[in-house]
Amino acid sequence: MADLWRMFSDPDLQFLRLAFWLATFASVAFGVMGSFVVTRRISYLAGAIAHCAFGGIGAGLYLQNKIGIDWFDPMYGAALTAVLAAVVVGLVSMYAEQREDTVIGALWAVGMAAGLLFIDLTPGYYDLSSYLFGDILLISARDVWMVICLDTVIILFVVGFYNRLVAVCFDDEFARLRGIQAGVFYMILLCLTALTVVLLVRMIGIILVIALLTLPAAIAGQYAKKIWHMMTAGTGLCILFNWSGLAISYRLDLSSAPTIILIAGIGYLSVIAGTKVVCRWQKVSIVNGDNHE
């Protein structure tokens, strides 16, 4: 506790305070959108969107450093590409006659390949590790405010259309029979997922972002009775994983993003294993009780 107080009071540790604030606010987006992703079972779609965003990052670096469009930040390219990928992936999953997994796999690979080719065409050397694996210690106050804005949009949207979103996540056909435009809400969910992935790439990276989007929500889903319970618990677990990972990585001088993901993965596997053990113990207890009778 003394170390934590020193961290928040030391003026030389501004970067670490920003990291903790970003981790806290990012957990809201991860917890809410992750619950929809896990419930709808579209983790692979979110993965394709995240990797397509790398193509936008490469295009942004190219436009900024080769063409001379200084104001075009690579994250703008990532956002545009991710939203476009979300629309394409949504249309493919709803209407394409091709095998859905093949098309999504192709988009996944093409996005990464396009990003690498754009970077090859861009003069100079660029360290891609911050985009691929993230570095939460390099974020700025602007990044924190952008995530707060994203949280606000997500919360307002979910509160305003909660029942419709739940219907779309659990049963498309039922939603359509009730007069809900399931396709529209599904597309909006994918676009919000795309924005969540892009804005949090600086924190956890393209490769690792899907793990933090799904693992806390998946753990919460083991026990939650309602989807808003899942969102609340997923947000709390995400905060726990983020804070623990940041503290451990700072004390041991480790990379923060892999540490956070490793803790989340251990938590998920522990919950799954514990649930299996409890279920087996309950079955044995029932059998022994029946035999005793």
C-alpha atoms as a PDB file:
ATOM      1  CA  MET A   1       0.000   0.000   0.000  1.00  0.00           C
ATOM      2  CA  ALA A   2       2.896   2.345   0.792  1.00  0.00           C
ATOM      3  CA  ASP A   3       4.396   1.684  -2.654  1.00  0.00           C
ATOM      4  CA  LEU A   4       1.054   2.425  -4.300  1.00  0.00           C
ATOM      5  CA  TRP A   5       0.683   5.708  -2.410  1.00  0.00           C
ATOM      6  CA  ARG A   6       4.256   6.671  -3.329  1.00  0.00           C
ATOM      7  CA  MET A   7       3.523   5.941  -6.976  1.00  0.00           C
ATOM      8  CA  PHE A   8       0.478   8.231  -7.070  1.00  0.00           C
ATOM      9  CA  SER A   9       2.191  11.020  -5.134  1.00  0.00           C
ATOM     10  CA  ASP A  10       5.617  11.006  -6.818  1.00  0.00           C
ATOM     11  CA  PRO A  11       5.727  13.722  -9.548  1.00  0.00           C
ATOM     12  CA  ASP A  12       8.360  11.719 -11.442  1.00  0.00           C
ATOM     13  CA  LEU A  13       5.922   8.827 -11.945  1.00  0.00           C
ATOM     14  CA  GLN A  14       3.328  10.695 -14.011  1.00  0.00           C
ATOM     15  CA  PHE A  15       3.660   8.073 -16.764  1.00  0.00           C
ATOM     16  CA  LEU A  16       2.727   5.306 -14.325  1.00  0.00           C
ATOM     17  CA  ARG A  17      -0.301   7.186 -13.004  1.00  0.00           C
ATOM     18  CA  LEU A  18      -1.525   7.690 -16.574  1.00  0.00           C
ATOM     19  CA  ALA A  19      -1.038   3.963 -17.189  1.00  0.00           C
ATOM     20  CA  PHE A  20      -3.194   3.075 -14.177  1.00  0.00           C
ATOM     21  CA  TRP A  21      -5.908   5.547 -15.208  1.00  0.00           C
ATOM     22  CA  LEU A  22      -5.942   4.189 -18.764  1.00  0.00           C
ATOM     23  CA  ALA A  23      -6.048   0.610 -17.477  1.00  0.00           C
ATOM     24  CA  THR A  24      -9.039   1.506 -15.291  1.00  0.00           C
ATOM     25  CA  PHE A  25     -11.076   3.275 -17.966  1.00  0.00           C
ATOM     26  CA  ALA A  26     -10.110   0.747 -20.633  1.00  0.00           C
ATOM     27  CA  SER A  27     -11.530  -1.990 -18.411  1.00  0.00           C
ATOM     28  CA  VAL A  28     -15.009  -0.516 -18.886  1.00  0.00           C
ATOM     29  CA  ALA A  29     -14.811  -0.858 -22.670  1.00  0.00           C
ATOM     30  CA  PHE A  30     -13.249  -4.311 -22.386  1.00  0.00           C
ATOM     31  CA  GLY A  31     -15.827  -5.504 -19.856  1.00  0.00           C
ATOM     32  CA  VAL A  32     -18.890  -4.237 -21.743  1.00  0.00           C
ATOM     33  CA  MET A  33     -17.888  -4.996 -25.325  1.00  0.00           C
ATOM     34  CA  GLY A  34     -16.158  -8.218 -24.288  1.00  0.00           C
ATOM     35  CA  SER A  35     -19.425  -9.476 -22.813  1.00  0.00           C
ATOM     36  CA  PHE A  36     -21.170  -9.009 -26.155  1.00  0.00           C
ATOM     37  CA  VAL A  37     -18.255 -10.578 -28.053  1.00  0.00           C
ATOM     38  CA  VAL A  38     -18.221 -13.659 -25.791  1.00  0.00           C
ATOM     39  CA  THR A  39     -22.015 -14.008 -25.649  1.00  0.00           C
ATOM     40  CA  ARG A  40     -22.387 -13.651 -29.409  1.00  0.00           C
ATOM     41  CA  ARG A  41     -19.349 -15.935 -29.919  1.00  0.00           C
ATOM     42  CA  ILE A  42     -17.599 -13.609 -32.357  1.00  0.00           C
ATOM     43  CA  SER A  43     -14.102 -13.613 -30.865  1.00  0.00           C
ATOM     44  CA  TYR A  44     -12.687 -14.727 -34.220  1.00  0.00           C
ATOM     45  CA  LEU A  45     -14.427 -11.789 -35.918  1.00  0.00           C
ATOM     46  CA  ALA A  46     -12.911  -9.390 -33.400  1.00  0.00           C
ATOM     47  CA  GLY A  47      -9.514 -10.973 -34.057  1.00  0.00           C
ATOM     48  CA  ALA A  48      -9.859 -10.389 -37.804  1.00  0.00           C
ATOM     49  CA  ILE A  49     -10.846  -6.755 -37.210  1.00  0.00           C
ATOM     50  CA  ALA A  50      -7.848  -6.212 -34.911  1.00  0.00           C
ATOM     51  CA  HIS A  51      -5.373  -7.594 -37.435  1.00  0.00           C
ATOM     52  CA  CYS A  52      -6.936  -5.645 -40.301  1.00  0.00           C
ATOM     53  CA  ALA A  53      -6.275  -2.506 -38.249  1.00  0.00           C
ATOM     54  CA  PHE A  54      -2.553  -3.113 -38.734  1.00  0.00           C
ATOM     55  CA  GLY A  55      -3.049  -2.370 -42.416  1.00  0.00           C
ATOM     56  CA  GLY A  56      -4.413   1.041 -41.447  1.00  0.00           C
ATOM     57  CA  ILE A  57      -1.443   1.670 -39.169  1.00  0.00           C
ATOM     58  CA  GLY A  58       0.933   0.927 -42.039  1.00  0.00           C
ATOM     59  CA  ALA A  59      -1.078   3.174 -44.366  1.00  0.00           C
ATOM     60  CA  GLY A  60      -1.023   5.957 -41.770  1.00  0.00           C
ATOM     61  CA  LEU A  61       2.768   5.768 -41.436  1.00  0.00           C
ATOM     62  CA  TYR A  62       3.079   5.823 -45.231  1.00  0.00           C
ATOM     63  CA  LEU A  63       0.824   8.855 -45.658  1.00  0.00           C
ATOM     64  CA  GLN A  64       2.491  10.697 -42.798  1.00  0.00           C
ATOM     65  CA  ASN A  65       6.130  10.077 -43.699  1.00  0.00           C
ATOM     66  CA  LYS A  66       6.116   9.412 -47.462  1.00  0.00           C
ATOM     67  CA  ILE A  67       3.262  11.550 -48.786  1.00  0.00           C
ATOM     68  CA  GLY A  68       3.743  14.285 -46.176  1.00  0.00           C
ATOM     69  CA  ILE A  69       0.276  14.347 -44.579  1.00  0.00           C
ATOM     70  CA  ASP A  70       1.621  15.201 -41.129  1.00  0.00           C
ATOM     71  CA  TRP A  71      -1.739  15.390 -39.373  1.00  0.00           C
ATOM     72  CA  PHE A  72      -2.747  11.845 -40.351  1.00  0.00           C
ATOM     73  CA  ASP A  73      -1.826   9.845 -37.268  1.00  0.00           C
ATOM     74  CA  PRO A  74      -1.405   6.074 -37.867  1.00  0.00           C
ATOM     75  CA  MET A  75      -4.203   5.474 -35.362  1.00  0.00           C
ATOM     76  CA  TYR A  76      -6.593   7.368 -37.668  1.00  0.00           C
ATOM     77  CA  GLY A  77      -5.753   4.854 -40.376  1.00  0.00           C
ATOM     78  CA  ALA A  78      -6.226   2.020 -37.908  1.00  0.00           C
ATOM     79  CA  ALA A  79      -9.667   3.324 -36.910  1.00  0.00           C
ATOM     80  CA  LEU A  80     -10.846   3.722 -40.501  1.00  0.00           C
ATOM     81  CA  THR A  81      -9.523   0.308 -41.513  1.00  0.00           C
ATOM     82  CA  ALA A  82     -10.961  -1.406 -38.447  1.00  0.00           C
ATOM     83  CA  VAL A  83     -14.433   0.047 -38.992  1.00  0.00           C
ATOM     84  CA  LEU A  84     -14.290  -0.885 -42.696  1.00  0.00           C
ATOM     85  CA  ALA A  85     -13.195  -4.396 -41.731  1.00  0.00           C
ATOM     86  CA  ALA A  86     -16.058  -4.590 -39.232  1.00  0.00           C
ATOM     87  CA  VAL A  87     -18.562  -3.715 -41.956  1.00  0.00           C
ATOM     88  CA  VAL A  88     -17.049  -6.242 -44.383  1.00  0.00           C
ATOM     89  CA  VAL A  89     -16.879  -8.969 -41.740  1.00  0.00           C
ATOM     90  CA  GLY A  90     -20.462  -8.242 -40.688  1.00  0.00           C
ATOM     91  CA  LEU A  91     -21.741  -8.452 -44.257  1.00  0.00           C
ATOM     92  CA  VAL A  92     -19.782 -11.657 -44.847  1.00  0.00           C
ATOM     93  CA  SER A  93     -21.137 -13.310 -41.704  1.00  0.00           C
ATOM     94  CA  MET A  94     -24.710 -12.338 -42.587  1.00  0.00           C
ATOM     95  CA  TYR A  95     -24.931 -12.690 -46.362  1.00  0.00           C
ATOM     96  CA  ALA A  96     -21.871 -14.328 -47.955  1.00  0.00           C
ATOM     97  CA  GLU A  97     -22.323 -17.646 -49.689  1.00  0.00           C
ATOM     98  CA  GLN A  98     -18.623 -18.444 -49.239  1.00  0.00           C
ATOM     99  CA  ARG A  99     -17.304 -20.278 -46.193  1.00  0.00           C
ATOM    100  CA  GLU A 100     -17.325 -17.641 -43.479  1.00  0.00           C
ATOM    101  CA  ASP A 101     -14.165 -18.850 -41.740  1.00  0.00           C
ATOM    102  CA  THR A 102     -12.195 -18.803 -45.004  1.00  0.00           C
ATOM    103  CA  VAL A 103     -13.180 -15.229 -45.857  1.00  0.00           C
ATOM    104  CA  ILE A 104     -12.456 -14.001 -42.329  1.00  0.00           C
ATOM    105  CA  GLY A 105      -9.082 -15.770 -42.327  1.00  0.00           C
ATOM    106  CA  ALA A 106      -8.242 -14.103 -45.643  1.00  0.00           C
ATOM    107  CA  LEU A 107      -9.134 -10.655 -44.264  1.00  0.00           C
ATOM    108  CA  TRP A 108      -7.026 -11.389 -41.175  1.00  0.00           C
ATOM    109  CA  ALA A 109      -3.934 -12.198 -43.278  1.00  0.00           C
ATOM    110  CA  VAL A 110      -4.464  -9.479 -45.894  1.00  0.00           C
ATOM    111  CA  GLY A 111      -4.697  -6.777 -43.218  1.00  0.00           C
ATOM    112  CA  MET A 112      -1.346  -7.774 -41.702  1.00  0.00           C
ATOM    113  CA  ALA A 113       0.294  -8.151 -45.130  1.00  0.00           C
ATOM    114  CA  ALA A 114      -0.933  -4.747 -46.308  1.00  0.00           C
ATOM    115  CA  GLY A 115       0.410  -3.098 -43.165  1.00  0.00           C
ATOM    116  CA  LEU A 116       3.852  -4.667 -43.635  1.00  0.00           C
ATOM    117  CA  LEU A 117       3.992  -3.634 -47.311  1.00  0.00           C
ATOM    118  CA  PHE A 118       3.065  -0.029 -46.490  1.00  0.00           C
ATOM    119  CA  ILE A 119       5.831   0.035 -43.874  1.00  0.00           C
ATOM    120  CA  ASP A 120       8.298  -1.365 -46.432  1.00  0.00           C
ATOM    121  CA  LEU A 121       7.405   1.539 -48.745  1.00  0.00           C
ATOM    122  CA  THR A 122       7.808   4.116 -45.969  1.00  0.00           C
ATOM    123  CA  PRO A 123      11.292   5.660 -45.597  1.00  0.00           C
ATOM    124  CA  GLY A 124      13.060   5.188 -42.270  1.00  0.00           C
ATOM    125  CA  TYR A 125      12.900   2.528 -39.588  1.00  0.00           C
ATOM    126  CA  TYR A 126       9.849   1.964 -37.370  1.00  0.00           C
ATOM    127  CA  ASP A 127       9.635  -0.156 -34.255  1.00  0.00           C
ATOM    128  CA  LEU A 128       6.410  -2.120 -34.657  1.00  0.00           C
ATOM    129  CA  SER A 129       6.499  -3.723 -31.220  1.00  0.00           C
ATOM    130  CA  SER A 130       4.454  -0.908 -29.646  1.00  0.00           C
ATOM    131  CA  TYR A 131       1.661  -1.544 -32.171  1.00  0.00           C
ATOM    132  CA  LEU A 132       1.870  -5.336 -32.061  1.00  0.00           C
ATOM    133  CA  PHE A 133       2.355  -5.806 -28.316  1.00  0.00           C
ATOM    134  CA  GLY A 134       1.501  -2.394 -26.864  1.00  0.00           C
ATOM    135  CA  ASP A 135       3.298  -0.242 -24.310  1.00  0.00           C
ATOM    136  CA  ILE A 136       0.954   1.278 -21.776  1.00  0.00           C
ATOM    137  CA  LEU A 137       3.797   3.251 -20.186  1.00  0.00           C
ATOM    138  CA  LEU A 138       4.103   5.402 -23.325  1.00  0.00           C
ATOM    139  CA  ILE A 139       0.507   6.630 -23.419  1.00  0.00           C
ATOM    140  CA  SER A 140      -0.440  10.287 -22.939  1.00  0.00           C
ATOM    141  CA  ALA A 141      -3.273  12.145 -21.244  1.00  0.00           C
ATOM    142  CA  ARG A 142      -4.894  12.439 -24.694  1.00  0.00           C
ATOM    143  CA  ASP A 143      -5.103   8.639 -24.907  1.00  0.00           C
ATOM    144  CA  VAL A 144      -6.850   8.530 -21.527  1.00  0.00           C
ATOM    145  CA  TRP A 145      -9.421  11.106 -22.616  1.00  0.00           C
ATOM    146  CA  MET A 146     -10.068   9.253 -25.883  1.00  0.00           C
ATOM    147  CA  VAL A 147     -10.805   6.066 -23.939  1.00  0.00           C
ATOM    148  CA  ILE A 148     -13.122   8.012 -21.609  1.00  0.00           C
ATOM    149  CA  CYS A 149     -15.018   9.258 -24.685  1.00  0.00           C
ATOM    150  CA  LEU A 150     -15.223   5.689 -26.000  1.00  0.00           C
ATOM    151  CA  ASP A 151     -16.570   4.501 -22.632  1.00  0.00           C
ATOM    152  CA  THR A 152     -19.216   7.230 -22.715  1.00  0.00           C
ATOM    153  CA  VAL A 153     -20.385   6.268 -26.213  1.00  0.00           C
ATOM    154  CA  ILE A 154     -20.503   2.563 -25.335  1.00  0.00           C
ATOM    155  CA  ILE A 155     -22.391   3.090 -22.062  1.00  0.00           C
ATOM    156  CA  LEU A 156     -24.969   5.430 -23.644  1.00  0.00           C
ATOM    157  CA  PHE A 157     -25.526   3.001 -26.515  1.00  0.00           C
ATOM    158  CA  VAL A 158     -25.853  -0.042 -24.258  1.00  0.00           C
ATOM    159  CA  VAL A 159     -28.162   1.698 -21.784  1.00  0.00           C
ATOM    160  CA  GLY A 160     -30.347   3.035 -24.595  1.00  0.00           C
ATOM    161  CA  PHE A 161     -30.691  -0.262 -26.487  1.00  0.00           C
ATOM    162  CA  TYR A 162     -29.916  -2.893 -23.857  1.00  0.00           C
ATOM    163  CA  ASN A 163     -32.915  -5.190 -24.438  1.00  0.00           C
ATOM    164  CA  ARG A 164     -32.495  -5.117 -28.207  1.00  0.00           C
ATOM    165  CA  LEU A 165     -28.787  -5.859 -27.959  1.00  0.00           C
ATOM    166  CA  VAL A 166     -29.451  -8.815 -25.667  1.00  0.00           C
ATOM    167  CA  ALA A 167     -32.043 -10.169 -28.105  1.00  0.00           C
ATOM    168  CA  VAL A 168     -29.621  -9.822 -31.018  1.00  0.00           C
ATOM    169  CA  CYS A 169     -26.825 -11.546 -29.097  1.00  0.00           C
ATOM    170  CA  PHE A 170     -28.894 -14.554 -28.081  1.00  0.00           C
ATOM    171  CA  ASP A 171     -31.326 -15.107 -30.964  1.00  0.00           C
ATOM    172  CA  ASP A 172     -31.300 -13.232 -34.285  1.00  0.00           C
ATOM    173  CA  GLU A 173     -34.481 -14.844 -35.564  1.00  0.00           C
ATOM    174  CA  PHE A 174     -36.433 -14.006 -32.396  1.00  0.00           C
ATOM    175  CA  ALA A 175     -35.198 -10.425 -32.585  1.00  0.00           C
ATOM    176  CA  ARG A 176     -36.359 -10.092 -36.189  1.00  0.00           C
ATOM    177  CA  LEU A 177     -39.767 -11.552 -35.325  1.00  0.00           C
ATOM    178  CA  ARG A 178     -40.105  -8.871 -32.645  1.00  0.00           C
ATOM    179  CA  GLY A 179     -39.432  -6.181 -35.254  1.00  0.00           C
ATOM    180  CA  ILE A 180     -35.838  -5.486 -34.202  1.00  0.00           C
ATOM    181  CA  GLN A 181     -33.393  -4.636 -36.973  1.00  0.00           C
ATOM    182  CA  ALA A 182     -30.945  -7.322 -35.913  1.00  0.00           C
ATOM    183  CA  GLY A 183     -28.525  -6.723 -38.781  1.00  0.00           C
ATOM    184  CA  VAL A 184     -28.173  -3.022 -37.950  1.00  0.00           C
ATOM    185  CA  PHE A 185     -27.509  -3.619 -34.265  1.00  0.00           C
ATOM    186  CA  TYR A 186     -25.102  -6.440 -35.076  1.00  0.00           C
ATOM    187  CA  MET A 187     -23.167  -4.122 -37.390  1.00  0.00           C
ATOM    188  CA  ILE A 188     -23.048  -1.385 -34.752  1.00  0.00           C
ATOM    189  CA  LEU A 189     -21.722  -3.891 -32.220  1.00  0.00           C
ATOM    190  CA  LEU A 190     -18.938  -4.867 -34.609  1.00  0.00           C
ATOM    191  CA  CYS A 191     -18.059  -1.215 -35.280  1.00  0.00           C
ATOM    192  CA  LEU A 192     -17.916  -0.433 -31.543  1.00  0.00           C
ATOM    193  CA  THR A 193     -15.757  -3.514 -31.072  1.00  0.00           C
ATOM    194  CA  ALA A 194     -13.478  -2.215 -33.834  1.00  0.00           C
ATOM    195  CA  LEU A 195     -13.133   1.190 -32.135  1.00  0.00           C
ATOM    196  CA  THR A 196     -12.491  -0.499 -28.791  1.00  0.00           C
ATOM    197  CA  VAL A 197      -9.706  -2.570 -30.325  1.00  0.00           C
ATOM    198  CA  VAL A 198      -8.102   0.417 -32.057  1.00  0.00           C
ATOM    199  CA  LEU A 199      -8.161   2.832 -29.133  1.00  0.00           C
ATOM    200  CA  LEU A 200      -6.664   0.207 -26.825  1.00  0.00           C
ATOM    201  CA  VAL A 201      -3.937  -0.964 -29.207  1.00  0.00           C
ATOM    202  CA  ARG A 202      -1.500   1.457 -27.538  1.00  0.00           C
ATOM    203  CA  MET A 203      -2.199  -0.266 -24.231  1.00  0.00           C
ATOM    204  CA  ILE A 204      -2.040  -3.952 -25.064  1.00  0.00           C
ATOM    205  CA  GLY A 205      -1.169  -4.283 -28.766  1.00  0.00           C
ATOM    206  CA  ILE A 206      -2.922  -5.807 -31.767  1.00  0.00           C
ATOM    207  CA  ILE A 207      -1.804  -9.357 -31.052  1.00  0.00           C
ATOM    208  CA  LEU A 208      -2.798  -9.374 -27.373  1.00  0.00           C
ATOM    209  CA  VAL A 209      -5.887  -7.147 -27.385  1.00  0.00           C
ATOM    210  CA  ILE A 210      -8.315 -10.006 -28.121  1.00  0.00           C
ATOM    211  CA  ALA A 211      -7.220 -11.856 -24.993  1.00  0.00           C
ATOM    212  CA  LEU A 212      -8.127  -8.950 -22.724  1.00  0.00           C
ATOM    213  CA  LEU A 213     -11.348  -8.416 -24.662  1.00  0.00           C
ATOM    214  CA  THR A 214     -12.512 -11.991 -24.082  1.00  0.00           C
ATOM    215  CA  LEU A 215     -10.868 -13.540 -20.995  1.00  0.00           C
ATOM    216  CA  PRO A 216     -12.399 -11.336 -18.232  1.00  0.00           C
ATOM    217  CA  ALA A 217     -15.837 -11.592 -19.841  1.00  0.00           C
ATOM    218  CA  ALA A 218     -15.440 -15.359 -20.283  1.00  0.00           C
ATOM    219  CA  ILE A 219     -14.591 -15.768 -16.595  1.00  0.00           C
ATOM    220  CA  ALA A 220     -17.576 -13.617 -15.582  1.00  0.00           C
ATOM    221  CA  GLY A 221     -19.804 -15.624 -17.922  1.00  0.00           C
ATOM    222  CA  GLN A 222     -19.144 -18.775 -15.902  1.00  0.00           C
ATOM    223  CA  TYR A 223     -21.223 -17.398 -13.026  1.00  0.00           C
ATOM    224  CA  ALA A 224     -23.270 -14.441 -14.319  1.00  0.00           C
ATOM    225  CA  LYS A 225     -27.028 -14.961 -14.687  1.00  0.00           C
ATOM    226  CA  LYS A 226     -27.640 -11.854 -16.781  1.00  0.00           C
ATOM    227  CA  ILE A 227     -25.508 -10.100 -19.356  1.00  0.00           C
ATOM    228  CA  TRP A 228     -25.274  -6.875 -17.337  1.00  0.00           C
ATOM    229  CA  HIS A 229     -23.951  -8.944 -14.435  1.00  0.00           C
ATOM    230  CA  MET A 230     -21.376 -10.268 -16.876  1.00  0.00           C
ATOM    231  CA  MET A 231     -20.434  -6.741 -17.940  1.00  0.00           C
ATOM    232  CA  THR A 232     -20.008  -5.559 -14.352  1.00  0.00           C
ATOM    233  CA  ALA A 233     -17.980  -8.578 -13.254  1.00  0.00           C
ATOM    234  CA  GLY A 234     -15.927  -8.524 -16.456  1.00  0.00           C
ATOM    235  CA  THR A 235     -15.050  -4.865 -15.889  1.00  0.00           C
ATOM    236  CA  GLY A 236     -14.016  -5.580 -12.288  1.00  0.00           C
ATOM    237  CA  LEU A 237     -11.876  -8.551 -13.331  1.00  0.00           C
ATOM    238  CA  CYS A 238     -10.269  -6.533 -16.096  1.00  0.00           C
ATOM    239  CA  ILE A 239      -9.330  -3.813 -13.601  1.00  0.00           C
ATOM    240  CA  LEU A 240      -7.874  -6.482 -11.314  1.00  0.00           C
ATOM    241  CA  PHE A 241      -5.806  -8.038 -14.104  1.00  0.00           C
ATOM    242  CA  ASN A 242      -4.617  -4.662 -15.414  1.00  0.00           C
ATOM    243  CA  TRP A 243      -3.618  -3.281 -12.023  1.00  0.00           C
ATOM    244  CA  SER A 244      -1.927  -6.535 -10.982  1.00  0.00           C
ATOM    245  CA  GLY A 245      -0.044  -6.769 -14.278  1.00  0.00           C
ATOM    246  CA  LEU A 246       1.099  -3.147 -14.097  1.00  0.00           C
ATOM    247  CA  ALA A 247       2.271  -3.474 -10.504  1.00  0.00           C
ATOM    248  CA  ILE A 248       4.143  -6.730 -11.121  1.00  0.00           C
ATOM    249  CA  SER A 249       5.721  -5.577 -14.389  1.00  0.00           C
ATOM    250  CA  TYR A 250       6.868  -2.306 -12.799  1.00  0.00           C
ATOM    251  CA  ARG A 251       8.379  -4.000  -9.754  1.00  0.00           C
ATOM    252  CA  LEU A 252      10.105  -6.762 -11.769  1.00  0.00           C
ATOM    253  CA  ASP A 253      10.995  -4.595 -14.801  1.00  0.00           C
ATOM    254  CA  LEU A 254       8.920  -6.683 -17.228  1.00  0.00           C
ATOM    255  CA  SER A 255       6.833  -5.775 -20.264  1.00  0.00           C
ATOM    256  CA  SER A 256       3.417  -4.706 -19.010  1.00  0.00           C
ATOM    257  CA  ALA A 257       1.141  -6.076 -21.771  1.00  0.00           C
ATOM    258  CA  PRO A 258       2.383  -9.707 -21.683  1.00  0.00           C
ATOM    259  CA  THR A 259       2.316  -9.633 -17.883  1.00  0.00           C
ATOM    260  CA  ILE A 260      -1.320  -8.496 -17.877  1.00  0.00           C
ATOM    261  CA  ILE A 261      -2.324 -11.158 -20.406  1.00  0.00           C
ATOM    262  CA  LEU A 262      -0.440 -13.897 -18.537  1.00  0.00           C
ATOM    263  CA  ILE A 263      -2.277 -13.020 -15.311  1.00  0.00           C
ATOM    264  CA  ALA A 264      -5.623 -12.993 -17.158  1.00  0.00           C
ATOM    265  CA  GLY A 265      -4.821 -16.343 -18.770  1.00  0.00           C
ATOM    266  CA  ILE A 266      -3.860 -17.915 -15.449  1.00  0.00           C
ATOM    267  CA  GLY A 267      -7.079 -16.563 -13.934  1.00  0.00           C
ATOM    268  CA  TYR A 268      -9.179 -18.020 -16.762  1.00  0.00           C
ATOM    269  CA  LEU A 269      -7.531 -21.440 -16.643  1.00  0.00           C
ATOM    270  CA  SER A 270      -7.823 -21.515 -12.852  1.00  0.00           C
ATOM    271  CA  VAL A 271     -11.540 -20.756 -12.992  1.00  0.00           C
ATOM    272  CA  ILE A 272     -12.143 -23.401 -15.678  1.00  0.00           C
ATOM    273  CA  ALA A 273     -10.173 -26.013 -13.736  1.00  0.00           C
ATOM    274  CA  GLY A 274     -11.894 -25.081 -10.475  1.00  0.00           C
ATOM    275  CA  THR A 275     -15.319 -25.306 -12.101  1.00  0.00           C
ATOM    276  CA  LYS A 276     -14.517 -28.779 -13.468  1.00  0.00           C
ATOM    277  CA  VAL A 277     -13.331 -29.975 -10.053  1.00  0.00           C
ATOM    278  CA  VAL A 278     -16.433 -28.626  -8.299  1.00  0.00           C
ATOM    279  CA  CYS A 279     -18.777 -30.185 -10.884  1.00  0.00           C
ATOM    280  CA  ARG A 280     -17.042 -33.553 -10.582  1.00  0.00           C
ATOM    281  CA  TRP A 281     -17.153 -33.387  -6.794  1.00  0.00           C
ATOM    282  CA  GLN A 282     -20.874 -32.600  -6.899  1.00  0.00           C
ATOM    283  CA  LYS A 283     -21.520 -35.551  -9.225  1.00  0.00           C
ATOM    284  CA  VAL A 284     -19.572 -37.892  -6.949  1.00  0.00           C
ATOM    285  CA  SER A 285     -21.498 -36.586  -3.945  1.00  0.00           C
ATOM    286  CA  ILE A 286     -24.834 -37.209  -5.673  1.00  0.00           C
ATOM    287  CA  VAL A 287     -23.818 -40.730  -6.725  1.00  0.00           C
ATOM    288  CA  ASN A 288     -22.588 -41.575  -3.246  1.00  0.00           C
ATOM    289  CA  GLY A 289     -25.795 -40.188  -1.773  1.00  0.00           C
ATOM    290  CA  ASP A 290     -27.918 -42.316  -4.107  1.00  0.00           C
ATOM    291  CA  ASN A 291     -25.878 -45.414  -3.309  1.00  0.00           C
ATOM    292  CA  HIS A 292     -26.197 -44.749   0.385  1.00  0.00           C
ATOM    293  CA  GLU A 293     -29.963 -44.549   0.087  1.00  0.00           C
END
